[in-house]
Amino acid sequence: MGNIVSYLIEGFSIFGIISFGFILTKYLPNYFNKKGENLATKEDISEITFLVEDVKKTFINENDKLKTKLNVISNIYIGLAAEERKVIVEANDRLYEIRDLSINIVGYINDLSSNSEIDKTIIKVRETFLNFSNYQSKLNLYIDNENINKMFFDLKNIMTRDIVPQCSELLYMIKTINSEDKYSLEEKIKMRQVALNNYNKDFPDKLKKLYFLTIEFQKSCREYMMLNKLDID
C-alpha cells in the first residue's frame, strides 16, 4: 500500500517538474522574441527572475497540495486494510469459539444435575453462535473475496443445521432428565451418561465436514492476507 502511494507522489513530482520545464520552454522564447535581438538587459533579467520564481513557487505549492491529498488517501487505505485484517482475524476467532464449545459442551457445565447451569450453557451456546454468524455481513462488507465469503456461509450453514441444534438438544435432554421426579438420582446419572454417549457417538461424523471446511477457510484467509499485505503492520 505504501509503495503505491510513493509511486503516485513520485509521479506527480515528475509531472510537476515537466510542467515547470514546459512553462519555461514555452514562455521564455516568446519573451525574447518580443525583444527581437534576444539581448538580456537588467530589466530582462529582473522580469525573467520574477517569472521563474513565480512558476517555482506555484509548482511547490501545487506539489505540497498533491502530497497532502495523497497522504490522506494513503491513511484511508491503511485504515481499510486494518479493518480487513481485523474482520478476518475475529471471524476465525468466533468460528473456533463456537466449534470448541460444541465439541466440549459438557466441559462448560460445572454441575450436570443443576438446571440453572444448563440454562447458562444454553444461553452461552446461543450467544456464541450469534456472535459467529454476525460476521457474515462484516466479511461481505470488508472482504472482496467470493471464495472466503462463500466458505464462511457454508460454515454457518453447517453450524445452523448440524452442530448447534445437536448441542441444544443434548442440553435440553439433560435438563428434562433433571426435572423428572420419578427417577432416582442414580437413574438420572445413568440417563445423562447415555445421552452424552449418544451425543459423542453421532457428533464426530458431523464434525468431519466442519473440520475440513475450517482448514480450507483458514488457508484462503491466509492467502488473502498475504496477497493484500494485511499481515504486515
C-alpha atoms as a PDB file:
ATOM      1  CA  MET A   1       0.000   0.000   0.000  1.00  0.00           C
ATOM      2  CA  GLY A   2       2.816   2.389   0.922  1.00  0.00           C
ATOM      3  CA  ASN A   3       4.671   1.646  -2.317  1.00  0.00           C
ATOM      4  CA  ILE A   4       1.646   2.625  -4.390  1.00  0.00           C
ATOM      5  CA  VAL A   5       1.381   5.982  -2.628  1.00  0.00           C
ATOM      6  CA  SER A   6       5.132   6.591  -3.017  1.00  0.00           C
ATOM      7  CA  TYR A   7       4.911   5.891  -6.720  1.00  0.00           C
ATOM      8  CA  LEU A   8       1.984   8.293  -7.013  1.00  0.00           C
ATOM      9  CA  ILE A   9       3.890  11.035  -5.183  1.00  0.00           C
ATOM     10  CA  GLU A  10       6.951  10.495  -7.363  1.00  0.00           C
ATOM     11  CA  GLY A  11       4.763  10.509 -10.456  1.00  0.00           C
ATOM     12  CA  PHE A  12       3.134  13.787  -9.520  1.00  0.00           C
ATOM     13  CA  SER A  13       6.526  15.307  -8.675  1.00  0.00           C
ATOM     14  CA  ILE A  14       7.902  14.310 -12.070  1.00  0.00           C
ATOM     15  CA  PHE A  15       4.758  15.680 -13.660  1.00  0.00           C
ATOM     16  CA  GLY A  16       5.302  18.975 -11.822  1.00  0.00           C
ATOM     17  CA  ILE A  17       8.916  19.209 -12.956  1.00  0.00           C
ATOM     18  CA  ILE A  18       7.921  18.514 -16.560  1.00  0.00           C
ATOM     19  CA  SER A  19       5.227  21.158 -16.277  1.00  0.00           C
ATOM     20  CA  PHE A  20       7.759  23.584 -14.875  1.00  0.00           C
ATOM     21  CA  GLY A  21      10.100  22.905 -17.753  1.00  0.00           C
ATOM     22  CA  PHE A  22       7.239  23.218 -20.222  1.00  0.00           C
ATOM     23  CA  ILE A  23       6.364  26.681 -18.892  1.00  0.00           C
ATOM     24  CA  LEU A  24       9.947  27.843 -19.219  1.00  0.00           C
ATOM     25  CA  THR A  25      10.384  26.497 -22.737  1.00  0.00           C
ATOM     26  CA  LYS A  26       7.018  27.856 -23.826  1.00  0.00           C
ATOM     27  CA  TYR A  27       7.109  31.371 -22.453  1.00  0.00           C
ATOM     28  CA  LEU A  28      10.752  32.410 -22.248  1.00  0.00           C
ATOM     29  CA  PRO A  29      11.433  32.077 -26.020  1.00  0.00           C
ATOM     30  CA  ASN A  30       8.302  34.148 -26.673  1.00  0.00           C
ATOM     31  CA  TYR A  31       9.591  36.733 -24.257  1.00  0.00           C
ATOM     32  CA  PHE A  32      12.940  37.003 -26.020  1.00  0.00           C
ATOM     33  CA  ASN A  33      11.307  37.001 -29.444  1.00  0.00           C
ATOM     34  CA  LYS A  34       9.433  40.104 -28.437  1.00  0.00           C
ATOM     35  CA  LYS A  35      12.779  41.729 -27.631  1.00  0.00           C
ATOM     36  CA  GLY A  36      13.870  40.981 -31.151  1.00  0.00           C
ATOM     37  CA  GLU A  37      17.603  40.507 -30.596  1.00  0.00           C
ATOM     38  CA  ASN A  38      17.458  38.193 -27.526  1.00  0.00           C
ATOM     39  CA  LEU A  39      19.690  40.629 -25.611  1.00  0.00           C
ATOM     40  CA  ALA A  40      19.189  40.419 -21.884  1.00  0.00           C
ATOM     41  CA  THR A  41      19.195  43.767 -20.147  1.00  0.00           C
ATOM     42  CA  LYS A  42      18.938  44.264 -16.393  1.00  0.00           C
ATOM     43  CA  GLU A  43      15.211  44.749 -16.884  1.00  0.00           C
ATOM     44  CA  ASP A  44      15.004  41.479 -18.823  1.00  0.00           C
ATOM     45  CA  ILE A  45      16.864  39.557 -16.128  1.00  0.00           C
ATOM     46  CA  SER A  46      14.644  41.017 -13.421  1.00  0.00           C
ATOM     47  CA  GLU A  47      11.467  40.018 -15.244  1.00  0.00           C
ATOM     48  CA  ILE A  48      12.848  36.569 -16.081  1.00  0.00           C
ATOM     49  CA  THR A  49      13.818  36.030 -12.442  1.00  0.00           C
ATOM     50  CA  PHE A  50      10.361  37.096 -11.299  1.00  0.00           C
ATOM     51  CA  LEU A  51       8.742  34.733 -13.812  1.00  0.00           C
ATOM     52  CA  VAL A  52      10.943  31.797 -12.813  1.00  0.00           C
ATOM     53  CA  GLU A  53      10.392  32.367  -9.081  1.00  0.00           C
ATOM     54  CA  ASP A  54       6.642  32.738  -9.578  1.00  0.00           C
ATOM     55  CA  VAL A  55       6.444  29.487 -11.522  1.00  0.00           C
ATOM     56  CA  LYS A  56       8.685  27.780  -8.958  1.00  0.00           C
ATOM     57  CA  LYS A  57       6.502  28.963  -6.082  1.00  0.00           C
ATOM     58  CA  THR A  58       3.372  27.788  -7.874  1.00  0.00           C
ATOM     59  CA  PHE A  59       4.948  24.389  -8.523  1.00  0.00           C
ATOM     60  CA  ILE A  60       5.994  23.960  -4.874  1.00  0.00           C
ATOM     61  CA  ASN A  61       2.527  24.926  -3.614  1.00  0.00           C
ATOM     62  CA  GLU A  62       0.741  22.570  -6.007  1.00  0.00           C
ATOM     63  CA  ASN A  63       3.185  19.779  -5.255  1.00  0.00           C
ATOM     64  CA  ASP A  64       2.592  20.174  -1.498  1.00  0.00           C
ATOM     65  CA  LYS A  65      -1.172  20.057  -2.078  1.00  0.00           C
ATOM     66  CA  LEU A  66      -0.809  16.849  -4.073  1.00  0.00           C
ATOM     67  CA  LYS A  67       1.342  15.254  -1.374  1.00  0.00           C
ATOM     68  CA  THR A  68      -1.230  16.187   1.272  1.00  0.00           C
ATOM     69  CA  LYS A  69      -4.050  14.651  -0.760  1.00  0.00           C
ATOM     70  CA  LEU A  70      -2.034  11.504  -1.381  1.00  0.00           C
ATOM     71  CA  ASN A  71      -1.238  11.196   2.323  1.00  0.00           C
ATOM     72  CA  VAL A  72      -4.960  11.413   3.085  1.00  0.00           C
ATOM     73  CA  ILE A  73      -5.651   8.683   0.515  1.00  0.00           C
ATOM     74  CA  SER A  74      -2.830   6.596   1.977  1.00  0.00           C
ATOM     75  CA  ASN A  75      -4.286   6.885   5.500  1.00  0.00           C
ATOM     76  CA  ILE A  76      -7.714   5.844   4.207  1.00  0.00           C
ATOM     77  CA  TYR A  77      -6.260   2.751   2.551  1.00  0.00           C
ATOM     78  CA  ILE A  78      -4.238   1.893   5.666  1.00  0.00           C
ATOM     79  CA  GLY A  79      -7.405   2.210   7.771  1.00  0.00           C
ATOM     80  CA  LEU A  80      -9.354  -0.060   5.420  1.00  0.00           C
ATOM     81  CA  ALA A  81      -6.539  -2.611   5.417  1.00  0.00           C
ATOM     82  CA  ALA A  82      -6.554  -2.640   9.219  1.00  0.00           C
ATOM     83  CA  GLU A  83     -10.323  -3.234   9.226  1.00  0.00           C
ATOM     84  CA  GLU A  84      -9.959  -6.071   6.701  1.00  0.00           C
ATOM     85  CA  ARG A  85      -7.359  -7.784   8.841  1.00  0.00           C
ATOM     86  CA  LYS A  86      -9.420  -7.269  11.990  1.00  0.00           C
ATOM     87  CA  VAL A  87     -12.554  -8.767  10.432  1.00  0.00           C
ATOM     88  CA  ILE A  88     -10.684 -11.835   9.127  1.00  0.00           C
ATOM     89  CA  VAL A  89      -8.945 -12.494  12.455  1.00  0.00           C
ATOM     90  CA  GLU A  90     -12.124 -12.009  14.500  1.00  0.00           C
ATOM     91  CA  ALA A  91     -14.221 -14.169  12.136  1.00  0.00           C
ATOM     92  CA  ASN A  92     -11.740 -17.015  12.679  1.00  0.00           C
ATOM     93  CA  ASP A  93     -11.811 -16.435  16.445  1.00  0.00           C
ATOM     94  CA  ARG A  94     -15.621 -16.620  16.507  1.00  0.00           C
ATOM     95  CA  LEU A  95     -15.534 -19.781  14.382  1.00  0.00           C
ATOM     96  CA  TYR A  96     -13.224 -21.533  16.848  1.00  0.00           C
ATOM     97  CA  GLU A  97     -15.256 -20.353  19.828  1.00  0.00           C
ATOM     98  CA  ILE A  98     -18.462 -21.985  18.630  1.00  0.00           C
ATOM     99  CA  ARG A  99     -16.623 -25.060  17.349  1.00  0.00           C
ATOM    100  CA  ASP A 100     -14.754 -25.654  20.639  1.00  0.00           C
ATOM    101  CA  LEU A 101     -17.891 -25.001  22.663  1.00  0.00           C
ATOM    102  CA  SER A 102     -19.790 -27.584  20.600  1.00  0.00           C
ATOM    103  CA  ILE A 103     -17.060 -30.222  20.894  1.00  0.00           C
ATOM    104  CA  ASN A 104     -16.617 -29.854  24.654  1.00  0.00           C
ATOM    105  CA  ILE A 105     -20.085 -28.716  25.651  1.00  0.00           C
ATOM    106  CA  VAL A 106     -20.073 -30.714  28.903  1.00  0.00           C
ATOM    107  CA  GLY A 107     -16.777 -29.156  29.942  1.00  0.00           C
ATOM    108  CA  TYR A 108     -18.549 -25.795  30.247  1.00  0.00           C
ATOM    109  CA  ILE A 109     -21.049 -27.157  32.791  1.00  0.00           C
ATOM    110  CA  ASN A 110     -19.886 -27.307  36.395  1.00  0.00           C
ATOM    111  CA  ASP A 111     -22.787 -29.464  37.594  1.00  0.00           C
ATOM    112  CA  LEU A 112     -24.830 -31.564  35.135  1.00  0.00           C
ATOM    113  CA  SER A 113     -27.536 -32.028  37.761  1.00  0.00           C
ATOM    114  CA  SER A 114     -28.128 -28.258  38.007  1.00  0.00           C
ATOM    115  CA  ASN A 115     -30.697 -26.890  35.570  1.00  0.00           C
ATOM    116  CA  SER A 116     -29.539 -23.350  36.269  1.00  0.00           C
ATOM    117  CA  GLU A 117     -26.079 -24.395  34.994  1.00  0.00           C
ATOM    118  CA  ILE A 118     -27.706 -25.981  31.954  1.00  0.00           C
ATOM    119  CA  ASP A 119     -29.672 -22.790  31.262  1.00  0.00           C
ATOM    120  CA  LYS A 120     -26.481 -20.710  31.425  1.00  0.00           C
ATOM    121  CA  THR A 121     -24.835 -23.037  28.917  1.00  0.00           C
ATOM    122  CA  ILE A 122     -27.840 -22.894  26.591  1.00  0.00           C
ATOM    123  CA  ILE A 123     -27.610 -19.091  26.609  1.00  0.00           C
ATOM    124  CA  LYS A 124     -23.845 -19.280  26.049  1.00  0.00           C
ATOM    125  CA  VAL A 125     -24.307 -21.539  23.005  1.00  0.00           C
ATOM    126  CA  ARG A 126     -26.933 -19.199  21.553  1.00  0.00           C
ATOM    127  CA  GLU A 127     -24.833 -16.052  22.105  1.00  0.00           C
ATOM    128  CA  THR A 128     -21.631 -17.645  20.797  1.00  0.00           C
ATOM    129  CA  PHE A 129     -23.387 -18.813  17.659  1.00  0.00           C
ATOM    130  CA  LEU A 130     -24.921 -15.377  17.061  1.00  0.00           C
ATOM    131  CA  ASN A 131     -21.519 -13.713  17.505  1.00  0.00           C
ATOM    132  CA  PHE A 132     -20.129 -16.111  14.936  1.00  0.00           C
ATOM    133  CA  SER A 133     -22.926 -15.793  12.372  1.00  0.00           C
ATOM    134  CA  ASN A 134     -22.957 -11.984  12.579  1.00  0.00           C
ATOM    135  CA  TYR A 135     -19.528 -11.931  10.938  1.00  0.00           C
ATOM    136  CA  GLN A 136     -21.067 -12.949   7.631  1.00  0.00           C
ATOM    137  CA  SER A 137     -22.211  -9.378   6.999  1.00  0.00           C
ATOM    138  CA  LYS A 138     -18.838  -7.959   8.079  1.00  0.00           C
ATOM    139  CA  LEU A 139     -16.953 -10.272   5.741  1.00  0.00           C
ATOM    140  CA  ASN A 140     -19.269  -9.361   2.873  1.00  0.00           C
ATOM    141  CA  LEU A 141     -18.697  -5.675   3.597  1.00  0.00           C
ATOM    142  CA  TYR A 142     -14.902  -5.635   4.003  1.00  0.00           C
ATOM    143  CA  ILE A 143     -13.556  -8.706   2.189  1.00  0.00           C
ATOM    144  CA  ASP A 144     -13.796  -8.658  -1.582  1.00  0.00           C
ATOM    145  CA  ASN A 145     -13.258 -12.383  -1.995  1.00  0.00           C
ATOM    146  CA  GLU A 146     -16.103 -14.594  -3.140  1.00  0.00           C
ATOM    147  CA  ASN A 147     -14.387 -17.806  -2.025  1.00  0.00           C
ATOM    148  CA  ILE A 148     -13.895 -16.648   1.578  1.00  0.00           C
ATOM    149  CA  ASN A 149     -17.426 -15.297   1.871  1.00  0.00           C
ATOM    150  CA  LYS A 150     -18.945 -18.484   0.437  1.00  0.00           C
ATOM    151  CA  MET A 151     -16.941 -20.759   2.727  1.00  0.00           C
ATOM    152  CA  PHE A 152     -17.986 -18.744   5.768  1.00  0.00           C
ATOM    153  CA  PHE A 153     -21.594 -19.022   4.575  1.00  0.00           C
ATOM    154  CA  ASP A 154     -21.182 -22.809   4.255  1.00  0.00           C
ATOM    155  CA  LEU A 155     -19.617 -22.999   7.713  1.00  0.00           C
ATOM    156  CA  LYS A 156     -22.552 -21.074   9.139  1.00  0.00           C
ATOM    157  CA  ASN A 157     -24.978 -23.465   7.439  1.00  0.00           C
ATOM    158  CA  ILE A 158     -23.229 -26.494   8.935  1.00  0.00           C
ATOM    159  CA  MET A 159     -23.394 -24.887  12.371  1.00  0.00           C
ATOM    160  CA  THR A 160     -27.048 -23.980  11.910  1.00  0.00           C
ATOM    161  CA  ARG A 161     -28.105 -27.337  10.507  1.00  0.00           C
ATOM    162  CA  ASP A 162     -25.984 -29.887  12.367  1.00  0.00           C
ATOM    163  CA  ILE A 163     -23.804 -28.599  15.187  1.00  0.00           C
ATOM    164  CA  VAL A 164     -25.740 -26.057  17.265  1.00  0.00           C
ATOM    165  CA  PRO A 165     -29.101 -27.914  17.169  1.00  0.00           C
ATOM    166  CA  GLN A 166     -27.451 -31.104  18.426  1.00  0.00           C
ATOM    167  CA  CYS A 167     -25.770 -29.193  21.269  1.00  0.00           C
ATOM    168  CA  SER A 168     -29.056 -27.593  22.237  1.00  0.00           C
ATOM    169  CA  GLU A 169     -30.865 -30.936  22.001  1.00  0.00           C
ATOM    170  CA  LEU A 170     -28.369 -32.535  24.392  1.00  0.00           C
ATOM    171  CA  LEU A 171     -28.692 -29.700  26.895  1.00  0.00           C
ATOM    172  CA  TYR A 172     -32.497 -29.748  26.860  1.00  0.00           C
ATOM    173  CA  MET A 173     -32.455 -33.526  27.205  1.00  0.00           C
ATOM    174  CA  ILE A 174     -30.259 -33.337  30.317  1.00  0.00           C
ATOM    175  CA  LYS A 175     -32.484 -30.577  31.683  1.00  0.00           C
ATOM    176  CA  THR A 176     -35.550 -32.762  31.166  1.00  0.00           C
ATOM    177  CA  ILE A 177     -33.872 -35.696  32.915  1.00  0.00           C
ATOM    178  CA  ASN A 178     -33.012 -33.482  35.878  1.00  0.00           C
ATOM    179  CA  SER A 179     -36.618 -32.284  36.129  1.00  0.00           C
ATOM    180  CA  GLU A 180     -38.137 -35.776  36.281  1.00  0.00           C
ATOM    181  CA  ASP A 181     -39.109 -36.561  39.895  1.00  0.00           C
ATOM    182  CA  LYS A 182     -39.948 -40.198  39.133  1.00  0.00           C
ATOM    183  CA  TYR A 183     -36.287 -41.095  38.575  1.00  0.00           C
ATOM    184  CA  SER A 184     -33.831 -41.685  41.353  1.00  0.00           C
ATOM    185  CA  LEU A 185     -30.501 -39.864  41.497  1.00  0.00           C
ATOM    186  CA  GLU A 186     -28.695 -42.969  40.284  1.00  0.00           C
ATOM    187  CA  GLU A 187     -31.107 -43.401  37.367  1.00  0.00           C
ATOM    188  CA  LYS A 188     -30.676 -39.772  36.359  1.00  0.00           C
ATOM    189  CA  ILE A 189     -26.883 -40.163  36.348  1.00  0.00           C
ATOM    190  CA  LYS A 190     -27.173 -43.207  34.078  1.00  0.00           C
ATOM    191  CA  MET A 191     -29.647 -41.444  31.767  1.00  0.00           C
ATOM    192  CA  ARG A 192     -27.389 -38.391  31.457  1.00  0.00           C
ATOM    193  CA  GLN A 193     -24.461 -40.661  30.633  1.00  0.00           C
ATOM    194  CA  VAL A 194     -26.463 -42.395  27.900  1.00  0.00           C
ATOM    195  CA  ALA A 195     -27.398 -39.011  26.412  1.00  0.00           C
ATOM    196  CA  LEU A 196     -23.738 -37.950  26.455  1.00  0.00           C
ATOM    197  CA  ASN A 197     -22.598 -41.222  24.874  1.00  0.00           C
ATOM    198  CA  ASN A 198     -25.126 -40.851  22.055  1.00  0.00           C
ATOM    199  CA  TYR A 199     -24.012 -37.283  21.518  1.00  0.00           C
ATOM    200  CA  ASN A 200     -20.347 -38.279  21.362  1.00  0.00           C
ATOM    201  CA  LYS A 201     -21.161 -41.177  19.036  1.00  0.00           C
ATOM    202  CA  ASP A 202     -23.034 -39.174  16.382  1.00  0.00           C
ATOM    203  CA  PHE A 203     -21.146 -35.912  16.640  1.00  0.00           C
ATOM    204  CA  PRO A 204     -17.752 -36.867  15.088  1.00  0.00           C
ATOM    205  CA  ASP A 205     -19.333 -37.560  11.682  1.00  0.00           C
ATOM    206  CA  LYS A 206     -20.882 -34.116  11.644  1.00  0.00           C
ATOM    207  CA  LEU A 207     -17.597 -32.552  12.721  1.00  0.00           C
ATOM    208  CA  LYS A 208     -15.639 -34.023   9.785  1.00  0.00           C
ATOM    209  CA  LYS A 209     -17.107 -31.703   7.180  1.00  0.00           C
ATOM    210  CA  LEU A 210     -16.783 -28.763   9.558  1.00  0.00           C
ATOM    211  CA  TYR A 211     -13.132 -29.618  10.231  1.00  0.00           C
ATOM    212  CA  PHE A 212     -12.054 -29.808   6.581  1.00  0.00           C
ATOM    213  CA  LEU A 213     -14.008 -26.701   5.604  1.00  0.00           C
ATOM    214  CA  THR A 214     -12.445 -24.820   8.535  1.00  0.00           C
ATOM    215  CA  ILE A 215      -8.967 -25.749   7.271  1.00  0.00           C
ATOM    216  CA  GLU A 216      -9.813 -24.519   3.760  1.00  0.00           C
ATOM    217  CA  PHE A 217     -11.312 -21.324   5.150  1.00  0.00           C
ATOM    218  CA  GLN A 218      -8.189 -20.549   7.163  1.00  0.00           C
ATOM    219  CA  LYS A 219      -5.958 -21.292   4.177  1.00  0.00           C
ATOM    220  CA  SER A 220      -7.932 -18.892   1.977  1.00  0.00           C
ATOM    221  CA  CYS A 221      -7.818 -16.221   4.698  1.00  0.00           C
ATOM    222  CA  ARG A 222      -4.033 -16.529   4.997  1.00  0.00           C
ATOM    223  CA  GLU A 223      -3.591 -16.304   1.214  1.00  0.00           C
ATOM    224  CA  TYR A 224      -5.831 -13.250   1.053  1.00  0.00           C
ATOM    225  CA  MET A 225      -3.931 -11.529   3.873  1.00  0.00           C
ATOM    226  CA  MET A 226      -0.552 -12.259   2.281  1.00  0.00           C
ATOM    227  CA  LEU A 227      -1.718 -11.147  -1.165  1.00  0.00           C
ATOM    228  CA  ASN A 228      -3.028  -7.867   0.226  1.00  0.00           C
ATOM    229  CA  LYS A 229      -0.184  -7.490   2.740  1.00  0.00           C
ATOM    230  CA  LEU A 230      -2.682  -7.477   5.629  1.00  0.00           C
ATOM    231  CA  ASP A 231      -0.294  -9.433   7.819  1.00  0.00           C
ATOM    232  CA  ILE A 232       2.243  -6.605   7.706  1.00  0.00           C
ATOM    233  CA  ASP A 233       1.804  -3.716  10.176  1.00  0.00           C
END
